[in-house]
C-alpha atoms as a PDB file:
ATOM      1  CA  MET A   1     -19.705 -21.345  27.078  1.00  0.00           C
ATOM      2  CA  ARG A   2     -20.287 -17.651  26.560  1.00  0.00           C
ATOM      3  CA  PHE A   3     -16.842 -17.197  24.905  1.00  0.00           C
ATOM      4  CA  GLY A   4     -17.673 -20.059  22.533  1.00  0.00           C
ATOM      5  CA  PHE A   5     -21.022 -18.584  21.659  1.00  0.00           C
ATOM      6  CA  LEU A   6     -19.478 -15.177  20.963  1.00  0.00           C
ATOM      7  CA  PHE A   7     -16.667 -16.762  18.858  1.00  0.00           C
ATOM      8  CA  ASN A   8     -19.178 -18.691  16.812  1.00  0.00           C
ATOM      9  CA  GLU A   9     -21.457 -15.665  16.288  1.00  0.00           C
ATOM     10  CA  VAL A  10     -18.491 -13.499  15.130  1.00  0.00           C
ATOM     11  CA  VAL A  11     -17.225 -16.127  12.647  1.00  0.00           C
ATOM     12  CA  THR A  12     -20.762 -16.746  11.380  1.00  0.00           C
ATOM     13  CA  GLY A  13     -21.382 -13.044  10.868  1.00  0.00           C
ATOM     14  CA  LEU A  14     -18.133 -12.550   8.995  1.00  0.00           C
ATOM     15  CA  ARG A  15     -18.892 -15.518   6.773  1.00  0.00           C
ATOM     16  CA  ARG A  16     -22.459 -14.464   6.035  1.00  0.00           C
ATOM     17  CA  ASN A  17     -21.429 -10.972   4.994  1.00  0.00           C
ATOM     18  CA  VAL A  18     -18.132 -11.789   3.364  1.00  0.00           C
ATOM     19  CA  THR A  19     -18.440  -9.202   0.577  1.00  0.00           C
ATOM     20  CA  ILE A  20     -19.105  -6.346   2.887  1.00  0.00           C
ATOM     21  CA  THR A  21     -16.457  -7.553   5.286  1.00  0.00           C
ATOM     22  CA  VAL A  22     -13.791  -7.667   2.561  1.00  0.00           C
ATOM     23  CA  ALA A  23     -14.801  -4.193   1.300  1.00  0.00           C
ATOM     24  CA  MET A  24     -14.568  -2.847   4.860  1.00  0.00           C
ATOM     25  CA  ILE A  25     -11.162  -4.452   5.489  1.00  0.00           C
ATOM     26  CA  LEU A  26      -9.743  -2.993   2.312  1.00  0.00           C
ATOM     27  CA  THR A  27     -11.245   0.502   2.813  1.00  0.00           C
ATOM     28  CA  THR A  28      -9.918   0.518   6.447  1.00  0.00           C
ATOM     29  CA  ALA A  29      -6.497  -0.672   5.175  1.00  0.00           C
ATOM     30  CA  ILE A  30      -6.369   2.144   2.627  1.00  0.00           C
ATOM     31  CA  SER A  31      -7.527   4.888   4.992  1.00  0.00           C
ATOM     32  CA  ILE A  32      -5.258   3.835   7.844  1.00  0.00           C
ATOM     33  CA  GLY A  33      -2.371   3.253   5.412  1.00  0.00           C
ATOM     34  CA  LEU A  34      -2.753   6.746   4.055  1.00  0.00           C
ATOM     35  CA  PHE A  35      -3.014   8.180   7.618  1.00  0.00           C
ATOM     36  CA  GLY A  36       0.137   6.199   8.600  1.00  0.00           C
ATOM     37  CA  GLY A  37       1.943   7.521   5.547  1.00  0.00           C
ATOM     38  CA  GLY A  38       1.055  11.064   6.626  1.00  0.00           C
ATOM     39  CA  LEU A  39       2.450  10.381  10.068  1.00  0.00           C
ATOM     40  CA  LEU A  40       5.702   9.020   8.524  1.00  0.00           C
ATOM     41  CA  VAL A  41       6.030  12.191   6.470  1.00  0.00           C
ATOM     42  CA  VAL A  42       5.656  14.270   9.591  1.00  0.00           C
ATOM     43  CA  ARG A  43       8.346  12.256  11.390  1.00  0.00           C
ATOM     44  CA  LEU A  44      10.555  12.420   8.284  1.00  0.00           C
ATOM     45  CA  ALA A  45      10.158  16.231   8.313  1.00  0.00           C
ATOM     46  CA  ASP A  46      10.759  16.593  12.022  1.00  0.00           C
ATOM     47  CA  HIS A  47      13.913  14.480  11.897  1.00  0.00           C
ATOM     48  CA  SER A  48      15.254  16.091   8.636  1.00  0.00           C
ATOM     49  CA  ARG A  49      14.575  19.478  10.151  1.00  0.00           C
ATOM     50  CA  GLY A  50      17.058  18.702  12.901  1.00  0.00           C
ATOM     51  CA  ILE A  51      19.775  17.773  10.247  1.00  0.00           C
ATOM     52  CA  TYR A  52      19.315  21.124   8.481  1.00  0.00           C
ATOM     53  CA  LEU A  53      18.997  23.265  11.597  1.00  0.00           C
ATOM     54  CA  ALA A  54      22.492  21.931  12.584  1.00  0.00           C
ATOM     55  CA  ARG A  55      23.766  23.408   9.381  1.00  0.00           C
ATOM     56  CA  VAL A  56      21.883  26.654   9.374  1.00  0.00           C
ATOM     57  CA  GLU A  57      24.000  29.716   9.113  1.00  0.00           C
ATOM     58  CA  THR A  58      23.115  33.434   9.055  1.00  0.00           C
ATOM     59  CA  GLN A  59      25.116  35.474   6.402  1.00  0.00           C
ATOM     60  CA  VAL A  60      25.707  39.177   7.001  1.00  0.00           C
ATOM     61  CA  PHE A  61      26.712  40.759   3.669  1.00  0.00           C
ATOM     62  CA  LEU A  62      28.844  43.766   3.721  1.00  0.00           C
ATOM     63  CA  ASN A  63      28.571  46.752   1.327  1.00  0.00           C
ATOM     64  CA  ASP A  64      30.770  47.411  -1.666  1.00  0.00           C
ATOM     65  CA  ASP A  65      33.031  49.849   0.214  1.00  0.00           C
ATOM     66  CA  VAL A  66      33.985  47.344   2.905  1.00  0.00           C
ATOM     67  CA  SER A  67      34.148  44.393   0.414  1.00  0.00           C
ATOM     68  CA  ALA A  68      36.537  46.260  -1.896  1.00  0.00           C
ATOM     69  CA  ASN A  69      38.780  48.092   0.573  1.00  0.00           C
ATOM     70  CA  ASP A  70      39.089  45.851   3.669  1.00  0.00           C
ATOM     71  CA  PRO A  71      39.873  42.226   2.601  1.00  0.00           C
ATOM     72  CA  ALA A  72      41.300  41.391   6.018  1.00  0.00           C
ATOM     73  CA  CYS A  73      38.488  42.953   8.082  1.00  0.00           C
ATOM     74  CA  SER A  74      41.140  44.962  10.040  1.00  0.00           C
ATOM     75  CA  ALA A  75      39.535  48.406  10.042  1.00  0.00           C
ATOM     76  CA  ASN A  76      36.229  49.867  10.956  1.00  0.00           C
ATOM     77  CA  PRO A  77      33.355  49.458  10.263  1.00  0.00           C
ATOM     78  CA  CYS A  78      34.166  45.766   9.520  1.00  0.00           C
ATOM     79  CA  LYS A  79      36.301  45.257  12.558  1.00  0.00           C
ATOM     80  CA  ALA A  80      33.741  46.948  14.905  1.00  0.00           C
ATOM     81  CA  LEU A  81      30.978  44.840  13.440  1.00  0.00           C
ATOM     82  CA  ARG A  82      32.845  41.681  13.898  1.00  0.00           C
ATOM     83  CA  GLU A  83      33.376  42.571  17.578  1.00  0.00           C
ATOM     84  CA  THR A  84      29.701  43.346  18.005  1.00  0.00           C
ATOM     85  CA  ILE A  85      28.760  39.930  16.618  1.00  0.00           C
ATOM     86  CA  GLU A  86      31.217  38.032  18.780  1.00  0.00           C
ATOM     87  CA  LYS A  87      30.022  39.652  21.938  1.00  0.00           C
ATOM     88  CA  ARG A  88      26.434  38.518  21.447  1.00  0.00           C
ATOM     89  CA  SER A  89      25.334  35.828  23.748  1.00  0.00           C
ATOM     90  CA  ASP A  90      23.260  34.007  21.037  1.00  0.00           C
ATOM     91  CA  VAL A  91      26.174  33.627  18.630  1.00  0.00           C
ATOM     92  CA  LYS A  92      28.004  30.292  18.539  1.00  0.00           C
ATOM     93  CA  SER A  93      30.680  31.061  15.995  1.00  0.00           C
ATOM     94  CA  VAL A  94      31.560  33.663  13.314  1.00  0.00           C
ATOM     95  CA  ARG A  95      33.985  33.754  10.424  1.00  0.00           C
ATOM     96  CA  PHE A  96      34.826  36.337   7.872  1.00  0.00           C
ATOM     97  CA  LEU A  97      34.591  35.664   4.139  1.00  0.00           C
ATOM     98  CA  ASN A  98      36.204  38.379   2.028  1.00  0.00           C
ATOM     99  CA  ARG A  99      35.319  39.021  -1.623  1.00  0.00           C
ATOM    100  CA  GLN A 100      37.952  36.585  -3.016  1.00  0.00           C
ATOM    101  CA  ALA A 101      37.052  33.850  -0.621  1.00  0.00           C
ATOM    102  CA  ALA A 102      33.331  34.394  -1.456  1.00  0.00           C
ATOM    103  CA  TYR A 103      34.095  34.049  -5.169  1.00  0.00           C
ATOM    104  CA  ASP A 104      36.117  30.870  -4.681  1.00  0.00           C
ATOM    105  CA  ASP A 105      33.443  29.331  -2.474  1.00  0.00           C
ATOM    106  CA  ALA A 106      30.770  30.052  -4.999  1.00  0.00           C
ATOM    107  CA  ILE A 107      32.736  28.672  -7.898  1.00  0.00           C
ATOM    108  CA  ARG A 108      33.571  25.592  -5.885  1.00  0.00           C
ATOM    109  CA  LYS A 109      29.832  24.996  -5.336  1.00  0.00           C
ATOM    110  CA  PHE A 110      28.708  26.046  -8.821  1.00  0.00           C
ATOM    111  CA  PRO A 111      31.629  25.635 -11.287  1.00  0.00           C
ATOM    112  CA  GLN A 112      29.310  26.305 -14.244  1.00  0.00           C
ATOM    113  CA  TYR A 113      29.272  29.956 -13.317  1.00  0.00           C
ATOM    114  CA  LYS A 114      33.027  30.469 -13.518  1.00  0.00           C
ATOM    115  CA  ASP A 115      33.026  32.118 -16.927  1.00  0.00           C
ATOM    116  CA  VAL A 116      29.855  34.121 -16.157  1.00  0.00           C
ATOM    117  CA  ALA A 117      30.365  35.641 -12.682  1.00  0.00           C
ATOM    118  CA  GLY A 118      33.099  38.158 -11.985  1.00  0.00           C
ATOM    119  CA  LYS A 119      34.899  38.438  -8.632  1.00  0.00           C
ATOM    120  CA  ASP A 120      33.335  41.782  -7.936  1.00  0.00           C
ATOM    121  CA  SER A 121      29.885  40.126  -7.992  1.00  0.00           C
ATOM    122  CA  PHE A 122      30.298  38.582  -4.574  1.00  0.00           C
ATOM    123  CA  PRO A 123      30.274  40.821  -1.464  1.00  0.00           C
ATOM    124  CA  ALA A 124      32.285  40.112   1.656  1.00  0.00           C
ATOM    125  CA  SER A 125      30.322  38.675   4.556  1.00  0.00           C
ATOM    126  CA  PHE A 126      30.120  37.223   8.054  1.00  0.00           C
ATOM    127  CA  ILE A 127      29.101  33.613   8.359  1.00  0.00           C
ATOM    128  CA  VAL A 128      27.379  33.307  11.719  1.00  0.00           C
ATOM    129  CA  LYS A 129      26.123  30.148  13.484  1.00  0.00           C
ATOM    130  CA  LEU A 130      23.650  30.846  16.265  1.00  0.00           C
ATOM    131  CA  ASP A 131      23.101  28.762  19.367  1.00  0.00           C
ATOM    132  CA  ASN A 132      19.432  28.459  18.437  1.00  0.00           C
ATOM    133  CA  PRO A 133      18.695  28.911  14.732  1.00  0.00           C
ATOM    134  CA  GLU A 134      15.007  28.860  15.397  1.00  0.00           C
ATOM    135  CA  GLN A 135      15.347  32.179  17.243  1.00  0.00           C
ATOM    136  CA  HIS A 136      17.171  34.208  14.587  1.00  0.00           C
ATOM    137  CA  LYS A 137      14.979  37.229  14.246  1.00  0.00           C
ATOM    138  CA  ASP A 138      16.588  39.115  17.175  1.00  0.00           C
ATOM    139  CA  PHE A 139      19.970  38.725  15.578  1.00  0.00           C
ATOM    140  CA  ASP A 140      18.747  39.677  12.118  1.00  0.00           C
ATOM    141  CA  THR A 141      17.032  42.736  13.443  1.00  0.00           C
ATOM    142  CA  ALA A 142      20.183  43.801  15.284  1.00  0.00           C
ATOM    143  CA  MET A 143      22.294  43.542  12.188  1.00  0.00           C
ATOM    144  CA  GLN A 144      19.980  45.591   9.947  1.00  0.00           C
ATOM    145  CA  GLY A 145      21.162  49.075   9.655  1.00  0.00           C
ATOM    146  CA  GLN A 146      24.596  48.430  11.159  1.00  0.00           C
ATOM    147  CA  PRO A 147      27.462  50.450   9.548  1.00  0.00           C
ATOM    148  CA  GLY A 148      28.811  48.520   6.631  1.00  0.00           C
ATOM    149  CA  VAL A 149      25.974  46.007   6.418  1.00  0.00           C
ATOM    150  CA  LEU A 150      24.326  45.516   2.993  1.00  0.00           C
ATOM    151  CA  SER A 151      21.848  42.812   3.871  1.00  0.00           C
ATOM    152  CA  VAL A 152      21.238  39.730   6.102  1.00  0.00           C
ATOM    153  CA  LEU A 153      20.354  36.343   4.762  1.00  0.00           C
ATOM    154  CA  ASN A 154      19.078  33.639   7.082  1.00  0.00           C
ATOM    155  CA  GLN A 155      19.013  30.074   5.768  1.00  0.00           C
ATOM    156  CA  LYS A 156      16.280  29.208   8.246  1.00  0.00           C
ATOM    157  CA  ASP A 157      13.757  30.909   5.946  1.00  0.00           C
ATOM    158  CA  LEU A 158      14.820  28.722   3.039  1.00  0.00           C
ATOM    159  CA  ILE A 159      14.500  25.571   5.134  1.00  0.00           C
ATOM    160  CA  ASP A 160      11.089  26.612   6.173  1.00  0.00           C
ATOM    161  CA  ARG A 161      10.081  26.841   2.512  1.00  0.00           C
ATOM    162  CA  LEU A 162      11.591  23.458   1.766  1.00  0.00           C
ATOM    163  CA  PHE A 163       9.709  21.791   4.651  1.00  0.00           C
ATOM    164  CA  ALA A 164       6.485  23.537   3.673  1.00  0.00           C
ATOM    165  CA  VAL A 165       6.458  21.094   0.693  1.00  0.00           C
ATOM    166  CA  LEU A 166       6.669  18.089   3.069  1.00  0.00           C
ATOM    167  CA  ASP A 167       3.926  19.627   5.232  1.00  0.00           C
ATOM    168  CA  GLY A 168       1.771  19.922   2.124  1.00  0.00           C
ATOM    169  CA  LEU A 169       2.391  16.212   1.204  1.00  0.00           C
ATOM    170  CA  SER A 170       1.448  15.075   4.696  1.00  0.00           C
ATOM    171  CA  ASN A 171      -1.740  17.304   4.665  1.00  0.00           C
ATOM    172  CA  ALA A 172      -2.738  15.828   1.279  1.00  0.00           C
ATOM    173  CA  ALA A 173      -2.219  12.295   2.693  1.00  0.00           C
ATOM    174  CA  PHE A 174      -4.431  13.139   5.741  1.00  0.00           C
ATOM    175  CA  ALA A 175      -7.096  14.615   3.545  1.00  0.00           C
ATOM    176  CA  VAL A 176      -7.294  11.495   1.315  1.00  0.00           C
ATOM    177  CA  ALA A 177      -7.263   9.348   4.496  1.00  0.00           C
ATOM    178  CA  LEU A 178     -10.134  11.321   5.902  1.00  0.00           C
ATOM    179  CA  VAL A 179     -12.240  10.685   2.825  1.00  0.00           C
ATOM    180  CA  GLN A 180     -11.396   6.960   2.986  1.00  0.00           C
ATOM    181  CA  ALA A 181     -12.236   6.911   6.675  1.00  0.00           C
ATOM    182  CA  ILE A 182     -15.640   8.363   6.003  1.00  0.00           C
ATOM    183  CA  GLY A 183     -16.168   5.523   3.505  1.00  0.00           C
ATOM    184  CA  ALA A 184     -14.995   2.985   6.014  1.00  0.00           C
ATOM    185  CA  VAL A 185     -17.445   4.349   8.637  1.00  0.00           C
ATOM    186  CA  PHE A 186     -20.373   3.938   6.254  1.00  0.00           C
ATOM    187  CA  LEU A 187     -19.248   0.386   5.434  1.00  0.00           C
ATOM    188  CA  ILE A 188     -18.992  -0.447   9.053  1.00  0.00           C
ATOM    189  CA  ALA A 189     -22.507   0.896   9.691  1.00  0.00           C
ATOM    190  CA  ASN A 190     -23.862  -0.996   6.720  1.00  0.00           C
ATOM    191  CA  MET A 191     -22.084  -4.190   7.802  1.00  0.00           C
ATOM    192  CA  VAL A 192     -23.586  -3.972  11.323  1.00  0.00           C
ATOM    193  CA  GLN A 193     -27.043  -3.315  10.062  1.00  0.00           C
ATOM    194  CA  VAL A 194     -26.967  -6.146   7.555  1.00  0.00           C
ATOM    195  CA  ALA A 195     -25.630  -8.552  10.150  1.00  0.00           C
ATOM    196  CA  ALA A 196     -28.208  -7.541  12.669  1.00  0.00           C
ATOM    197  CA  PHE A 197     -31.135  -7.909  10.366  1.00  0.00           C
ATOM    198  CA  THR A 198     -30.021 -11.312   9.135  1.00  0.00           C
ATOM    199  CA  ARG A 199     -30.009 -12.541  12.700  1.00  0.00           C
ATOM    200  CA  GLU A 200     -33.088 -10.659  13.821  1.00  0.00           C
ATOM    201  CA  LYS A 201     -35.050 -13.784  14.899  1.00  0.00           C
ATOM    202  CA  GLU A 202     -32.080 -15.206  16.837  1.00  0.00           C
ATOM    203  CA  ILE A 203     -31.707 -11.828  18.719  1.00  0.00           C
ATOM    204  CA  GLY A 204     -35.458 -11.826  19.437  1.00  0.00           C
ATOM    205  CA  ILE A 205     -35.316 -15.307  20.958  1.00  0.00           C
ATOM    206  CA  MET A 206     -32.284 -14.421  23.075  1.00  0.00           C
ATOM    207  CA  ARG A 207     -34.053 -11.313  24.371  1.00  0.00           C
ATOM    208  CA  LEU A 208     -37.143 -13.378  25.326  1.00  0.00           C
ATOM    209  CA  VAL A 209     -35.058 -15.782  27.303  1.00  0.00           C
ATOM    210  CA  GLY A 210     -33.466 -12.886  29.270  1.00  0.00           C
ATOM    211  CA  ALA A 211     -30.333 -11.976  27.406  1.00  0.00           C
ATOM    212  CA  SER A 212     -29.374  -8.270  27.898  1.00  0.00           C
ATOM    213  CA  ARG A 213     -29.173  -5.783  25.031  1.00  0.00           C
ATOM    214  CA  TRP A 214     -25.459  -5.534  25.520  1.00  0.00           C
ATOM    215  CA  TYR A 215     -24.884  -9.258  25.304  1.00  0.00           C
ATOM    216  CA  THR A 216     -26.944  -9.530  21.940  1.00  0.00           C
ATOM    217  CA  GLN A 217     -25.074  -6.579  20.456  1.00  0.00           C
ATOM    218  CA  LEU A 218     -21.579  -7.585  21.529  1.00  0.00           C
ATOM    219  CA  PRO A 219     -21.087 -10.024  18.530  1.00  0.00           C
ATOM    220  CA  PHE A 220     -21.688  -7.205  16.074  1.00  0.00           C
ATOM    221  CA  LEU A 221     -19.171  -4.956  17.765  1.00  0.00           C
ATOM    222  CA  LEU A 222     -16.644  -7.753  17.792  1.00  0.00           C
ATOM    223  CA  GLU A 223     -17.246  -8.426  14.059  1.00  0.00           C
ATOM    224  CA  ALA A 224     -16.595  -4.796  13.130  1.00  0.00           C
ATOM    225  CA  THR A 225     -13.583  -4.632  15.429  1.00  0.00           C
ATOM    226  CA  VAL A 226     -12.075  -7.825  13.968  1.00  0.00           C
ATOM    227  CA  ALA A 227     -12.550  -6.635  10.423  1.00  0.00           C
ATOM    228  CA  ALA A 228     -11.011  -3.235  11.294  1.00  0.00           C
ATOM    229  CA  THR A 229      -8.058  -4.868  13.022  1.00  0.00           C
ATOM    230  CA  ALA A 230      -7.520  -6.974   9.877  1.00  0.00           C
ATOM    231  CA  GLY A 231      -7.472  -3.762   7.809  1.00  0.00           C
ATOM    232  CA  VAL A 232      -5.014  -2.139  10.182  1.00  0.00           C
ATOM    233  CA  VAL A 233      -2.689  -5.063   9.967  1.00  0.00           C
ATOM    234  CA  ILE A 234      -2.780  -4.971   6.151  1.00  0.00           C
ATOM    235  CA  ALA A 235      -2.079  -1.232   6.338  1.00  0.00           C
ATOM    236  CA  ILE A 236       1.048  -1.708   8.614  1.00  0.00           C
ATOM    237  CA  VAL A 237       2.334  -4.570   6.413  1.00  0.00           C
ATOM    238  CA  GLY A 238       1.779  -2.301   3.370  1.00  0.00           C
ATOM    239  CA  LEU A 239       3.866   0.527   4.913  1.00  0.00           C
ATOM    240  CA  ILE A 240       6.622  -1.965   5.660  1.00  0.00           C
ATOM    241  CA  LEU A 241       6.598  -3.202   2.120  1.00  0.00           C
ATOM    242  CA  VAL A 242       6.560   0.285   0.646  1.00  0.00           C
ATOM    243  CA  ARG A 243       9.601   1.185   2.880  1.00  0.00           C
ATOM    244  CA  ALA A 244      11.462  -2.000   1.886  1.00  0.00           C
ATOM    245  CA  LEU A 245      10.635  -2.115  -1.843  1.00  0.00           C
ATOM    246  CA  PHE A 246      10.297   1.509  -2.794  1.00  0.00           C
ATOM    247  CA  LEU A 247      11.647   4.060  -0.276  1.00  0.00           C
ATOM    248  CA  GLU A 248      14.945   2.317   0.337  1.00  0.00           C
ATOM    249  CA  ASN A 249      15.939   2.459  -3.300  1.00  0.00           C
ATOM    250  CA  ALA A 250      14.308   5.758  -4.255  1.00  0.00           C
ATOM    251  CA  LEU A 251      15.783   7.678  -1.290  1.00  0.00           C
ATOM    252  CA  ASN A 252      19.092   5.903  -0.885  1.00  0.00           C
ATOM    253  CA  GLN A 253      21.239   8.661  -2.442  1.00  0.00           C
ATOM    254  CA  PHE A 254      19.432  11.284  -0.316  1.00  0.00           C
ATOM    255  CA  TYR A 255      20.202   9.104   2.729  1.00  0.00           C
ATOM    256  CA  GLN A 256      23.912   8.793   1.924  1.00  0.00           C
ATOM    257  CA  ALA A 257      24.257  12.504   1.310  1.00  0.00           C
ATOM    258  CA  ASN A 258      22.456  13.155   4.684  1.00  0.00           C
ATOM    259  CA  LEU A 259      19.958  15.367   2.922  1.00  0.00           C
ATOM    260  CA  ILE A 260      17.005  13.820   4.650  1.00  0.00           C
ATOM    261  CA  ALA A 261      16.512  11.567   7.657  1.00  0.00           C
ATOM    262  CA  LYS A 262      16.027   7.940   7.120  1.00  0.00           C
ATOM    263  CA  ILE A 263      12.548   6.375   7.466  1.00  0.00           C
ATOM    264  CA  ASP A 264      13.278   3.260   9.443  1.00  0.00           C
ATOM    265  CA  TYR A 265      11.134   0.244  10.432  1.00  0.00           C
ATOM    266  CA  ALA A 266      11.303   1.613  13.937  1.00  0.00           C
ATOM    267  CA  ASP A 267       9.238   4.624  12.752  1.00  0.00           C
ATOM    268  CA  ILE A 268       6.607   2.324  11.390  1.00  0.00           C
ATOM    269  CA  LEU A 269       6.536   0.229  14.639  1.00  0.00           C
ATOM    270  CA  PHE A 270       6.296   3.533  16.609  1.00  0.00           C
ATOM    271  CA  ILE A 271       3.103   4.609  14.819  1.00  0.00           C
ATOM    272  CA  ALA A 272       1.634   1.029  14.499  1.00  0.00           C
ATOM    273  CA  PRO A 273      -0.027   0.974  18.000  1.00  0.00           C
ATOM    274  CA  TRP A 274      -1.693   4.376  17.290  1.00  0.00           C
ATOM    275  CA  LEU A 275      -2.908   3.120  13.888  1.00  0.00           C
ATOM    276  CA  LEU A 276      -4.332   0.013  15.610  1.00  0.00           C
ATOM    277  CA  LEU A 277      -5.985   2.061  18.275  1.00  0.00           C
ATOM    278  CA  LEU A 278      -7.513   4.399  15.670  1.00  0.00           C
ATOM    279  CA  GLY A 279      -8.906   1.526  13.690  1.00  0.00           C
ATOM    280  CA  VAL A 280     -10.391  -0.283  16.663  1.00  0.00           C
ATOM    281  CA  VAL A 281     -11.976   2.884  18.085  1.00  0.00           C
ATOM    282  CA  MET A 282     -13.356   3.912  14.750  1.00  0.00           C
ATOM    283  CA  ALA A 283     -14.957   0.499  14.308  1.00  0.00           C
ATOM    284  CA  GLY A 284     -16.192   0.180  17.896  1.00  0.00           C
ATOM    285  CA  VAL A 285     -17.700   3.694  18.004  1.00  0.00           C
ATOM    286  CA  THR A 286     -19.456   3.390  14.674  1.00  0.00           C
ATOM    287  CA  SER A 287     -20.810  -0.074  15.459  1.00  0.00           C
ATOM    288  CA  TYR A 288     -22.122   1.011  18.844  1.00  0.00           C
ATOM    289  CA  ALA A 289     -23.751   4.181  17.434  1.00  0.00           C
ATOM    290  CA  THR A 290     -25.340   2.212  14.640  1.00  0.00           C
ATOM    291  CA  LEU A 291     -26.798  -0.341  17.016  1.00  0.00           C
ATOM    292  CA  ARG A 292     -28.164   2.222  19.354  1.00  0.00           C
ATOM    293  CA  ILE A 293     -29.695   4.472  16.657  1.00  0.00           C
ATOM    294  CA  ARG A 294     -30.921   2.160  13.931  1.00  0.00           C
ATOM    295  CA  ILE A 295     -31.585  -1.057  15.758  1.00  0.00           C
ATOM    296  CA  ARG A 296     -33.817  -0.510  18.858  1.00  0.00           C
ATOM    297  CA  ARG A 297     -35.261  -3.831  19.457  1.00  0.00           C
END
């Protein structure tokens, strides 16, 4: 009997305030959708970072004297430097690239510079892979000032700059989602107040016959929760559609080239429970606070 009463009250409340309900659902959908998009960008960055970290190399450039006079790295200081690098416990592998090999490698990657760059423009270098590219500063510091070393370039710094862009995109999505969430909170509060005032007489009668404050307020909490849940469901469906209709085609070439990690449906399903929990908690807390603060009878 009580369940039937609550169900009828919730349905009646949603129908009476259909305009506010629809506005709340859409606002919740937008805010939760943007928040979910930010979470997906974070997951994309984390997974893609792993792809790039596996490719990260540290390049130790040698000075002009070594580059010009020791193409086989058979004499000091080049030979001694190689032995020093190979003995380090944090080094996974090392290979030597003389001036000619450096030129050939650069022209292979950028053929448009063949008629512009000379062979003497590229110094010899050691290409080093570390066991943990995240902890490259010790290696970089140890190489600085070594005999024959011109400079040290670590690709990890370049990758950090690349992913700073993705971090910025996720932060922007979170900021817009926060603004939308604030709007959703005000809509929830307004919806609860309007619903309560339209049923003020009914609530008064129920209180006179002994109904508890919690029992009379529960329908309003459920109304807000149902509307918020509908908004979250729309947001999740929207993320799935964006992934299927837009991201799959727009990022397909990047996926095939293994430049970024693929955003899969599993990623959306992974964040879906958190989005649902956020929407329900936001609606429940806002509704309860509104009823306690603004509606005292």
